[in-house]
Structure formats: C-alpha cells, structure tokens
Amino acid sequence: MPFYTYQAATEEYCDKCRDSFDILQRMDAEALIMCPECSNKVKKVISAPNVVSGKAHLTTDKTAEKKGFTKYKRAGKGVYEKVAGKGPKYISGD
C-alpha cells in the first residue's frame, strides 16, 4: 500500500493539515476530503513516486566510476581492494 500526501485546501487548518501529512491508503481507496484531526477540507498533493528497483544500476566498474562512486571488492578478511573510482587503494578494518 502506498503513502499519499494531503494538505489543507482552505484557509482553515490545524497543525496536522497546515503543511501536509501522509497517510497509508489502498490504491483503490477514495481520496480523503476532510482532515482526520479538524474535519476541514484537504486535497491530495501530487508528487514524484518513490520507486525501488530490485537490481543495482552500478553493476559494472566503469558505470560506478562514471557516476562518481568508488567500488571495492573483498580481498580478504576485513580487507577491501578498490576496483574503480577515487579513494584509497585498500580499506581495512584494522
């Protein structure tokens, strides 16, 4: 279930709906028309979705370095060796 953001639709508002508030709703649920705190009118705020992908987009060393990241691979117990990007050649837990 996604979170939806609402804010006051009129000049009358409470602390909850003055700026905005989030509520967890089913996708097929009706949009709220009243604030659950003060019962004044509210409107749904349209915003960019938060998309989570199951795959990493920095799968290659060149891609990571091109995007400004440093990539390390495990070289031993507690030791990591740099394979791409800027930074120290090795990182150690010692």
Protein backbone atom coordinates (compact mmCIF):
# COMPACT_ATOMS: atom_id res chain seq x y z
CA MET A 1 0.00 0.00 0.00
CA PRO A 2 1.35 3.44 -0.88
CA PHE A 3 1.51 6.57 1.22
CA TYR A 4 -0.42 9.60 -0.04
CA THR A 5 0.24 13.20 0.96
CA TYR A 6 -2.58 15.62 1.77
CA GLN A 7 -2.67 19.29 2.73
CA ALA A 8 -5.29 21.88 3.70
CA ALA A 9 -7.48 23.01 0.80
CA THR A 10 -8.85 26.09 2.59
CA GLU A 11 -7.61 28.90 4.82
CA GLU A 12 -8.86 26.95 7.84
CA TYR A 13 -6.47 24.26 9.05
CA CYS A 14 -4.98 22.56 12.09
CA ASP A 15 -1.37 21.70 12.90
CA LYS A 16 -1.76 18.38 11.06
CA CYS A 17 -3.01 19.68 7.70
CA ARG A 18 -1.36 23.13 7.67
CA ASP A 19 1.79 21.96 5.84
CA SER A 20 0.96 18.40 4.85
CA PHE A 21 0.52 14.91 6.24
CA ASP A 22 0.99 11.39 4.87
CA ILE A 23 -1.48 8.57 5.16
CA LEU A 24 -1.20 4.91 4.17
CA GLN A 25 -4.07 4.01 1.84
CA ARG A 26 -5.00 1.29 -0.57
CA MET A 27 -4.58 2.31 -4.20
CA ASP A 28 -8.30 1.80 -4.84
CA ALA A 29 -9.39 3.77 -1.75
CA GLU A 30 -11.26 7.05 -2.15
CA ALA A 31 -9.15 10.17 -1.65
CA LEU A 32 -9.63 11.95 1.66
CA ILE A 33 -11.78 15.06 1.53
CA MET A 34 -11.52 16.01 5.21
CA CYS A 35 -8.63 16.21 7.66
CA PRO A 36 -8.89 13.42 10.25
CA GLU A 37 -7.99 15.94 13.01
CA CYS A 38 -10.02 19.08 12.29
CA SER A 39 -12.53 17.93 9.60
CA ASN A 40 -11.60 20.82 7.29
CA LYS A 41 -11.23 20.23 3.56
CA VAL A 42 -7.97 18.71 2.31
CA LYS A 43 -6.57 17.94 -1.14
CA LYS A 44 -4.22 15.25 -2.36
CA VAL A 45 -0.74 16.51 -3.22
CA ILE A 46 0.75 15.13 -6.43
CA SER A 47 4.43 14.28 -6.06
CA ALA A 48 7.08 12.12 -7.68
CA PRO A 49 6.77 8.42 -6.86
CA ASN A 50 9.38 6.63 -4.77
CA VAL A 51 10.42 3.72 -6.99
CA VAL A 52 12.53 0.89 -5.64
CA SER A 53 14.25 -1.40 -8.08
CA GLY A 54 15.42 -4.89 -7.30
CA LYS A 55 18.57 -4.50 -9.40
CA ALA A 56 21.64 -2.37 -8.77
CA HIS A 57 22.29 0.13 -11.54
CA LEU A 58 26.03 0.30 -10.88
CA THR A 59 26.82 -3.25 -11.88
CA THR A 60 29.99 -2.53 -13.82
CA ASP A 61 33.15 -0.91 -12.54
CA LYS A 62 33.08 1.65 -15.35
CA THR A 63 29.48 2.62 -14.58
CA ALA A 64 30.25 3.15 -10.89
CA GLU A 65 33.29 5.29 -11.65
CA LYS A 66 31.43 7.28 -14.31
CA LYS A 67 28.68 8.10 -11.78
CA GLY A 68 31.27 9.31 -9.26
CA PHE A 69 31.29 6.27 -6.97
CA THR A 70 34.18 4.22 -5.69
CA LYS A 71 33.75 0.47 -5.87
CA TYR A 72 35.57 -2.01 -3.64
CA LYS A 73 35.72 -5.81 -3.70
CA ARG A 74 36.56 -8.02 -0.78
CA ALA A 75 40.24 -9.01 -0.89
CA GLY A 76 40.39 -10.90 2.39
CA LYS A 77 39.03 -10.97 5.91
CA GLY A 78 38.25 -7.33 6.72
CA VAL A 79 40.19 -6.02 3.70
CA TYR A 80 38.66 -4.46 0.60
CA GLU A 81 40.51 -3.52 -2.60
CA LYS A 82 39.47 -0.61 -4.84
CA VAL A 83 38.45 -1.66 -8.36
CA ALA A 84 37.03 1.66 -9.63
CA GLY A 85 36.81 5.32 -8.72
CA LYS A 86 38.80 7.59 -6.44
CA GLY A 87 39.85 6.77 -2.92
CA PRO A 88 42.35 4.67 -1.04
CA LYS A 89 43.60 1.52 -2.77
CA TYR A 90 42.70 -0.66 0.23
CA ILE A 91 40.25 -0.36 3.13
CA SER A 92 40.93 -2.37 6.24
CA GLY A 93 39.02 -2.85 9.48
CA ASP A 94 42.29 -2.62 11.43
